Amino acid sequence: MDMPPEMPPLPDKPVAEALMECGVRPDGFTITYDDLLQGHVIAFSATSGASADNLDCIWQATRSEFVEFADAELQRAYEAIGAAYYEAHLRPQVIESARERLAERGLLQTLPLREDFQSQEGFAAALEMHCGFVPSSVLRVEGNAFTVWPQSDGTPSAEFEFEKFSCLLSALTLATEADGGLKIGFVGNEKFRGPEGE
């Protein structure tokens, strides 16, 4: 049975309180809910008190949220902390889980490979078809970035659609493993949660 990757312990206090304990000014950040992202966005002003010295603390307090810094250098450093944690603790488990999920469905051996296609668009369309989607219906391609963009029309059932998306996410995970330059982004959609609200 697949086990979820082990994450660091959840914060034991509300995000706002944890941030202030990190040294962030109470009026230096906002927390809002974004319907498109389907999550909270924490935005830090240029005078928030966030700095390289307390950035690790800030990451621990906000790692499950979407975070934006007015300072571009802090934004890059924050994202680097998350990337380093993923590479060190989560990536091997995520890759293995993706392989197992596709193998269980008999879709691993026939998984499309990037080197077999002349363009990113052709590769993206092949991944969609491999998982049961109409080509160009779910993935948007911009350069080396694939954005998963769920559409709300014509879905047979929540359970069926969830299985297809599970396949596509596993396929994309293995694609990024094979091609480190490939980037994956997501646009949220309430319709495509699991059949039981996963």
Protein backbone atom coordinates (compact mmCIF):
# COMPACT_ATOMS: atom_id res chain seq x y z
CA MET A 1 0.00 0.00 0.00
CA ASP A 2 1.30 3.47 -0.89
CA MET A 3 2.43 5.52 2.09
CA PRO A 4 2.49 9.32 1.89
CA PRO A 5 5.91 10.98 1.99
CA GLU A 6 6.96 11.95 5.49
CA MET A 7 6.62 15.69 6.02
CA PRO A 8 8.09 17.75 8.85
CA PRO A 9 5.78 18.11 11.88
CA LEU A 10 2.86 20.48 11.41
CA PRO A 11 3.15 23.81 13.23
CA ASP A 12 1.67 23.53 16.71
CA LYS A 13 0.20 27.04 16.61
CA PRO A 14 -1.67 29.31 14.14
CA VAL A 15 0.42 30.60 11.24
CA ALA A 16 0.08 34.27 12.24
CA GLU A 17 1.27 33.57 15.77
CA ALA A 18 4.16 31.44 14.53
CA LEU A 19 5.25 34.17 12.12
CA MET A 20 5.32 36.79 14.83
CA GLU A 21 7.46 34.49 16.94
CA CYS A 22 9.82 34.31 13.95
CA GLY A 23 10.21 38.09 14.20
CA VAL A 24 7.76 39.13 11.47
CA ARG A 25 5.81 42.33 12.18
CA PRO A 26 2.06 41.82 12.80
CA ASP A 27 1.30 44.41 10.12
CA GLY A 28 3.97 43.09 7.76
CA PHE A 29 1.97 40.29 6.17
CA THR A 30 -1.52 39.41 5.00
CA ILE A 31 -3.26 36.04 4.81
CA THR A 32 -5.98 35.66 2.18
CA TYR A 33 -7.80 32.74 0.58
CA ASP A 34 -7.39 32.38 -3.19
CA ASP A 35 -10.26 30.56 -4.92
CA LEU A 36 -8.18 29.76 -7.99
CA LEU A 37 -5.31 28.26 -6.01
CA GLN A 38 -7.74 26.77 -3.46
CA GLY A 39 -5.44 27.70 -0.62
CA HIS A 40 -4.23 30.53 1.57
CA VAL A 41 -1.76 33.07 0.22
CA ILE A 42 0.58 34.72 2.71
CA ALA A 43 2.05 37.95 1.33
CA PHE A 44 5.00 39.63 3.04
CA SER A 45 5.61 43.33 2.56
CA ALA A 46 9.07 44.81 2.04
CA THR A 47 9.05 46.00 5.67
CA SER A 48 7.63 42.80 7.18
CA GLY A 49 10.71 41.93 9.19
CA ALA A 50 11.34 38.82 7.10
CA SER A 51 15.03 38.35 6.42
CA ALA A 52 17.63 35.75 5.59
CA ASP A 53 18.16 35.29 9.33
CA ASN A 54 14.60 34.17 10.09
CA LEU A 55 13.67 32.63 6.74
CA ASP A 56 14.03 29.04 7.97
CA CYS A 57 11.61 29.82 10.79
CA ILE A 58 9.19 31.42 8.32
CA TRP A 59 9.36 28.38 6.04
CA GLN A 60 8.53 26.04 8.93
CA ALA A 61 5.50 28.18 9.77
CA THR A 62 4.19 28.58 6.21
CA ARG A 63 5.38 25.57 4.22
CA SER A 64 1.83 24.29 3.62
CA GLU A 65 0.64 27.65 2.22
CA PHE A 66 1.30 29.76 -0.88
CA VAL A 67 3.86 32.41 0.01
CA GLU A 68 4.78 35.67 -1.72
CA PHE A 69 7.54 38.11 -0.74
CA ALA A 70 7.81 41.68 -1.99
CA ASP A 71 11.57 41.09 -1.92
CA ALA A 72 12.47 38.92 -4.93
CA GLU A 73 15.68 37.73 -3.30
CA LEU A 74 13.80 36.48 -0.24
CA GLN A 75 11.29 34.76 -2.53
CA ARG A 76 14.06 32.84 -4.25
CA ALA A 77 15.71 31.94 -0.96
CA TYR A 78 12.39 30.75 0.50
CA GLU A 79 11.72 28.55 -2.53
CA ALA A 80 15.25 27.17 -2.30
CA ILE A 81 14.59 26.00 1.27
CA GLY A 82 11.51 24.10 0.13
CA ALA A 83 13.31 22.63 -2.87
CA ALA A 84 16.20 21.46 -0.70
CA TYR A 85 13.81 19.76 1.73
CA TYR A 86 11.98 18.05 -1.12
CA GLU A 87 15.20 16.77 -2.71
CA ALA A 88 16.56 15.49 0.61
CA HIS A 89 13.45 13.96 2.14
CA LEU A 90 10.56 13.57 -0.30
CA ARG A 91 11.72 13.10 -3.89
CA PRO A 92 12.80 9.43 -3.67
CA GLN A 93 9.47 8.44 -2.07
CA VAL A 94 7.46 10.48 -4.57
CA ILE A 95 9.26 8.90 -7.55
CA GLU A 96 8.81 5.37 -6.22
CA SER A 97 5.13 5.99 -5.46
CA ALA A 98 4.56 7.29 -9.00
CA ARG A 99 6.15 4.17 -10.50
CA GLU A 100 4.05 1.90 -8.29
CA ARG A 101 0.80 3.68 -9.15
CA LEU A 102 1.39 3.42 -12.89
CA ALA A 103 2.56 -0.21 -12.62
CA GLU A 104 -0.61 -1.16 -10.73
CA ARG A 105 -2.67 0.17 -13.66
CA GLY A 106 -0.46 -1.49 -16.28
CA LEU A 107 0.65 1.93 -17.55
CA LEU A 108 4.31 2.02 -16.58
CA GLN A 109 5.90 0.01 -19.40
CA THR A 110 4.04 1.96 -22.09
CA LEU A 111 4.63 5.41 -20.55
CA PRO A 112 5.55 7.94 -23.28
CA LEU A 113 9.16 9.19 -23.16
CA ARG A 114 10.20 12.73 -23.99
CA GLU A 115 12.95 11.65 -26.38
CA ASP A 116 10.35 10.04 -28.64
CA PHE A 117 8.71 13.38 -29.45
CA GLN A 118 9.91 16.36 -31.44
CA SER A 119 8.05 18.94 -29.34
CA GLN A 120 6.90 19.50 -25.77
CA GLU A 121 3.34 19.85 -27.08
CA GLY A 122 3.48 16.40 -28.67
CA PHE A 123 4.86 14.89 -25.48
CA ALA A 124 2.18 16.56 -23.34
CA ALA A 125 -0.58 15.31 -25.65
CA ALA A 126 0.82 11.77 -25.47
CA LEU A 127 0.82 11.86 -21.66
CA GLU A 128 -2.80 13.05 -21.68
CA MET A 129 -3.89 10.26 -24.03
CA HIS A 130 -1.93 7.70 -22.02
CA CYS A 131 -4.06 8.57 -18.98
CA GLY A 132 -7.39 8.77 -20.82
CA PHE A 133 -7.68 12.49 -21.56
CA VAL A 134 -8.37 14.18 -24.89
CA PRO A 135 -5.10 15.71 -26.19
CA SER A 136 -4.54 19.33 -25.14
CA SER A 137 -7.53 19.24 -22.77
CA VAL A 138 -5.68 19.32 -19.44
CA LEU A 139 -2.05 20.32 -19.97
CA ARG A 140 -0.98 23.80 -21.06
CA VAL A 141 2.55 24.03 -22.46
CA GLU A 142 4.77 27.11 -22.24
CA GLY A 143 8.39 26.42 -23.05
CA ASN A 144 9.61 23.80 -20.56
CA ALA A 145 6.63 24.30 -18.25
CA PHE A 146 3.55 22.07 -18.18
CA THR A 147 0.56 23.47 -16.32
CA VAL A 148 -2.18 21.08 -15.20
CA TRP A 149 -5.37 22.98 -15.96
CA PRO A 150 -8.49 20.90 -15.12
CA GLN A 151 -11.56 21.62 -17.20
CA SER A 152 -15.02 21.38 -15.68
CA ASP A 153 -16.95 20.19 -18.73
CA GLY A 154 -17.96 16.65 -19.62
CA THR A 155 -16.62 14.71 -16.67
CA PRO A 156 -18.14 11.18 -16.51
CA SER A 157 -17.79 10.84 -12.73
CA ALA A 158 -15.63 12.19 -9.91
CA GLU A 159 -14.08 8.77 -9.27
CA PHE A 160 -13.23 8.16 -12.92
CA GLU A 161 -11.75 11.63 -13.32
CA PHE A 162 -9.71 11.29 -10.14
CA GLU A 163 -8.15 8.07 -11.45
CA LYS A 164 -7.15 9.80 -14.68
CA PHE A 165 -5.62 12.73 -12.84
CA SER A 166 -3.77 10.39 -10.51
CA CYS A 167 -2.27 8.71 -13.58
CA LEU A 168 -1.33 12.05 -15.16
CA LEU A 169 0.34 13.38 -12.02
CA SER A 170 2.34 10.16 -11.68
CA ALA A 171 3.38 10.39 -15.34
CA LEU A 172 4.44 14.01 -14.92
CA THR A 173 6.42 13.12 -11.81
CA LEU A 174 8.45 10.56 -13.76
CA ALA A 175 8.82 13.00 -16.66
CA THR A 176 10.42 15.59 -14.38
CA GLU A 177 12.70 12.90 -12.97
CA ALA A 178 13.92 12.07 -16.48
CA ASP A 179 14.18 15.73 -17.55
CA GLY A 180 15.31 18.05 -14.76
CA GLY A 181 14.50 21.08 -16.90
CA LEU A 182 10.80 20.27 -17.10
CA LYS A 183 8.65 22.31 -14.71
CA ILE A 184 5.14 21.42 -13.55
CA GLY A 185 2.51 23.90 -12.35
CA PHE A 186 -1.09 23.54 -11.23
CA VAL A 187 -4.32 25.48 -11.45
CA GLY A 188 -6.80 24.28 -8.82
CA ASN A 189 -10.33 23.12 -9.43
CA GLU A 190 -12.71 21.94 -6.71
CA LYS A 191 -14.28 19.44 -9.11
CA PHE A 192 -11.20 17.26 -9.29
CA ARG A 193 -10.70 16.16 -5.76
CA GLY A 194 -10.88 12.45 -5.02
CA PRO A 195 -14.16 10.56 -4.98
CA GLU A 196 -14.30 10.88 -1.21
CA GLY A 197 -12.91 14.43 -1.13
CA GLU A 198 -9.19 13.52 -1.07
